[in-house]
Amino acid sequence: MNITRLITAAAMSFGLLGGIGATAGPAAASTTPVAVYSNNSGWNAFAGYPAHMVKPRTLYLGADYGIYSLSWSHWTTTAYGYGTLKACGGAYGPCVIYTVSVTLEHVKVHDGIRYFATMEIRGHGTMWLVMNGYGNWIQI
């Protein structure tokens, strides 16, 4: 009778441990937020700016070119936001400034970081950008 209780207790322990192990992996992966590479420095951070962020207030897309004052209405495996696009013809301008909507899509993984690989910018027309193999946004 003691052997039956011991076997039952062991079986229950393994069943409980197996159940915890099976559910911990997917839950951890699904709760990891998707990031966006936003500093125009590829996969690397520079000068105190992180390479990737969740819901950034600014997307640096190039020299004298970015989207500022961003606010995000949705952020899961697709993100929707609004901000101000500022594109300048060099440090002294002229600059074009207008309100845009931003859609981030197509989740990929680099060095364990889930990130958005495509960006649609709508304002005065529509622009599409994709993340290249170096972690920089390029217009297509």
Protein backbone atom coordinates (compact mmCIF):
# COMPACT_ATOMS: atom_id res chain seq x y z
CA MET A 1 0.00 0.00 0.00
CA ASN A 2 2.84 2.42 0.71
CA ILE A 3 4.35 1.60 -2.70
CA THR A 4 1.04 2.51 -4.41
CA ARG A 5 0.95 5.89 -2.63
CA LEU A 6 4.59 6.54 -3.51
CA ILE A 7 4.03 5.72 -7.20
CA THR A 8 0.87 7.87 -7.28
CA ALA A 9 2.67 10.79 -5.61
CA ALA A 10 5.61 10.50 -8.02
CA ALA A 11 3.31 10.35 -11.06
CA MET A 12 1.40 13.42 -9.87
CA SER A 13 4.65 15.32 -9.30
CA PHE A 14 5.90 14.58 -12.78
CA GLY A 15 2.53 15.48 -14.27
CA LEU A 16 2.47 18.83 -12.49
CA LEU A 17 6.05 19.64 -13.39
CA GLY A 18 5.45 18.66 -17.01
CA GLY A 19 2.40 20.91 -17.17
CA ILE A 20 4.32 23.89 -15.80
CA GLY A 21 7.18 23.36 -18.23
CA ALA A 22 4.83 23.06 -21.19
CA THR A 23 3.01 26.32 -20.46
CA ALA A 24 5.96 28.50 -19.36
CA GLY A 25 7.67 28.64 -22.77
CA PRO A 26 4.80 29.89 -24.95
CA ALA A 27 3.56 32.35 -22.33
CA ALA A 28 7.00 33.95 -22.06
CA ALA A 29 7.33 34.27 -25.86
CA SER A 30 3.85 35.72 -26.34
CA THR A 31 4.35 38.39 -23.66
CA THR A 32 7.61 39.69 -25.14
CA PRO A 33 6.67 42.98 -26.84
CA VAL A 34 7.72 43.62 -30.42
CA ALA A 35 10.29 46.40 -30.78
CA VAL A 36 11.21 48.77 -33.59
CA TYR A 37 14.76 49.74 -34.53
CA SER A 38 14.54 53.49 -34.40
CA ASN A 39 17.95 55.17 -34.12
CA ASN A 40 19.24 54.98 -37.72
CA SER A 41 22.33 53.17 -36.45
CA GLY A 42 21.47 49.64 -37.50
CA TRP A 43 21.40 46.87 -34.96
CA ASN A 44 23.60 48.85 -32.53
CA ALA A 45 22.91 51.56 -29.98
CA PHE A 46 24.89 54.81 -30.12
CA ALA A 47 25.45 57.88 -27.91
CA GLY A 48 22.92 56.78 -25.31
CA TYR A 49 20.15 56.01 -27.82
CA PRO A 50 18.99 52.38 -27.66
CA ALA A 51 18.95 50.51 -30.95
CA HIS A 52 15.41 49.20 -30.45
CA MET A 53 12.45 50.42 -28.46
CA VAL A 54 8.82 49.63 -27.76
CA LYS A 55 6.45 52.52 -28.59
CA PRO A 56 9.17 55.10 -29.28
CA ARG A 57 8.30 58.81 -29.33
CA THR A 58 10.76 59.34 -32.23
CA LEU A 59 11.82 57.25 -35.23
CA TYR A 60 15.14 58.42 -36.68
CA LEU A 61 15.10 57.37 -40.33
CA GLY A 62 18.14 59.17 -41.72
CA ALA A 63 20.23 62.31 -41.48
CA ASP A 64 17.81 65.21 -40.94
CA TYR A 65 14.88 62.83 -41.48
CA GLY A 66 12.54 61.34 -38.88
CA ILE A 67 9.11 61.09 -37.32
CA TYR A 68 8.68 62.96 -34.05
CA SER A 69 6.04 63.31 -31.30
CA LEU A 70 4.71 59.82 -32.02
CA SER A 71 1.73 58.45 -30.14
CA TRP A 72 0.65 54.85 -30.59
CA SER A 73 -2.97 53.65 -30.58
CA HIS A 74 -2.18 49.94 -31.03
CA TRP A 75 0.95 47.82 -30.43
CA THR A 76 0.91 44.02 -30.78
CA THR A 77 2.12 42.22 -33.91
CA THR A 78 1.04 45.32 -35.84
CA ALA A 79 1.41 48.89 -34.57
CA TYR A 80 -0.52 52.05 -35.51
CA GLY A 81 0.54 55.57 -34.61
CA TYR A 82 0.57 59.25 -35.57
CA GLY A 83 3.39 61.76 -35.53
CA THR A 84 5.11 64.61 -37.33
CA LEU A 85 7.43 63.81 -40.22
CA LYS A 86 10.33 66.21 -40.64
CA ALA A 87 12.57 65.85 -43.70
CA CYS A 88 15.25 68.45 -44.31
CA GLY A 89 17.57 69.05 -47.24
CA GLY A 90 20.62 69.20 -44.97
CA ALA A 91 21.33 70.90 -41.67
CA TYR A 92 20.12 74.29 -42.91
CA GLY A 93 17.01 73.10 -44.76
CA PRO A 94 14.70 73.66 -46.38
CA CYS A 95 12.51 71.31 -44.35
CA VAL A 96 9.17 69.69 -45.05
CA ILE A 97 7.04 69.09 -41.96
CA TYR A 98 3.61 67.43 -41.86
CA THR A 99 1.45 64.99 -39.87
CA VAL A 100 1.67 61.31 -40.80
CA SER A 101 0.17 58.00 -39.79
CA VAL A 102 2.58 55.10 -39.26
CA THR A 103 1.88 51.38 -39.56
CA LEU A 104 4.52 48.86 -38.47
CA GLU A 105 4.16 45.22 -39.59
CA HIS A 106 5.88 41.90 -40.38
CA VAL A 107 7.55 40.70 -37.17
CA LYS A 108 11.00 39.17 -37.56
CA VAL A 109 13.75 38.20 -35.09
CA HIS A 110 17.36 39.43 -34.83
CA ASP A 111 19.61 38.24 -31.97
CA GLY A 112 16.53 37.15 -30.02
CA ILE A 113 14.78 40.53 -30.42
CA ARG A 114 11.37 40.50 -32.11
CA TYR A 115 11.11 43.59 -34.30
CA PHE A 116 8.93 45.16 -36.99
CA ALA A 117 10.44 44.79 -40.48
CA THR A 118 8.13 47.01 -42.57
CA MET A 119 6.81 50.53 -42.11
CA GLU A 120 4.09 52.36 -44.00
CA ILE A 121 4.03 56.16 -43.70
CA ARG A 122 0.93 58.01 -44.92
CA GLY A 123 0.72 61.78 -45.13
CA HIS A 124 1.32 63.54 -48.42
CA GLY A 125 1.19 60.23 -50.27
CA THR A 126 2.36 56.81 -49.07
CA MET A 127 5.92 55.67 -48.41
CA TRP A 128 7.03 52.11 -47.67
CA LEU A 129 10.21 51.36 -45.77
CA VAL A 130 11.76 47.96 -45.03
CA MET A 131 14.45 46.91 -42.60
CA ASN A 132 17.57 45.82 -44.49
CA GLY A 133 20.08 43.18 -43.36
CA TYR A 134 22.08 45.79 -41.41
CA GLY A 135 19.17 47.00 -39.29
CA ASN A 136 18.52 50.23 -41.20
CA TRP A 137 15.29 51.48 -42.77
CA ILE A 138 15.35 51.85 -46.56
CA GLN A 139 12.61 53.25 -48.76
CA ILE A 140 11.20 50.96 -51.46
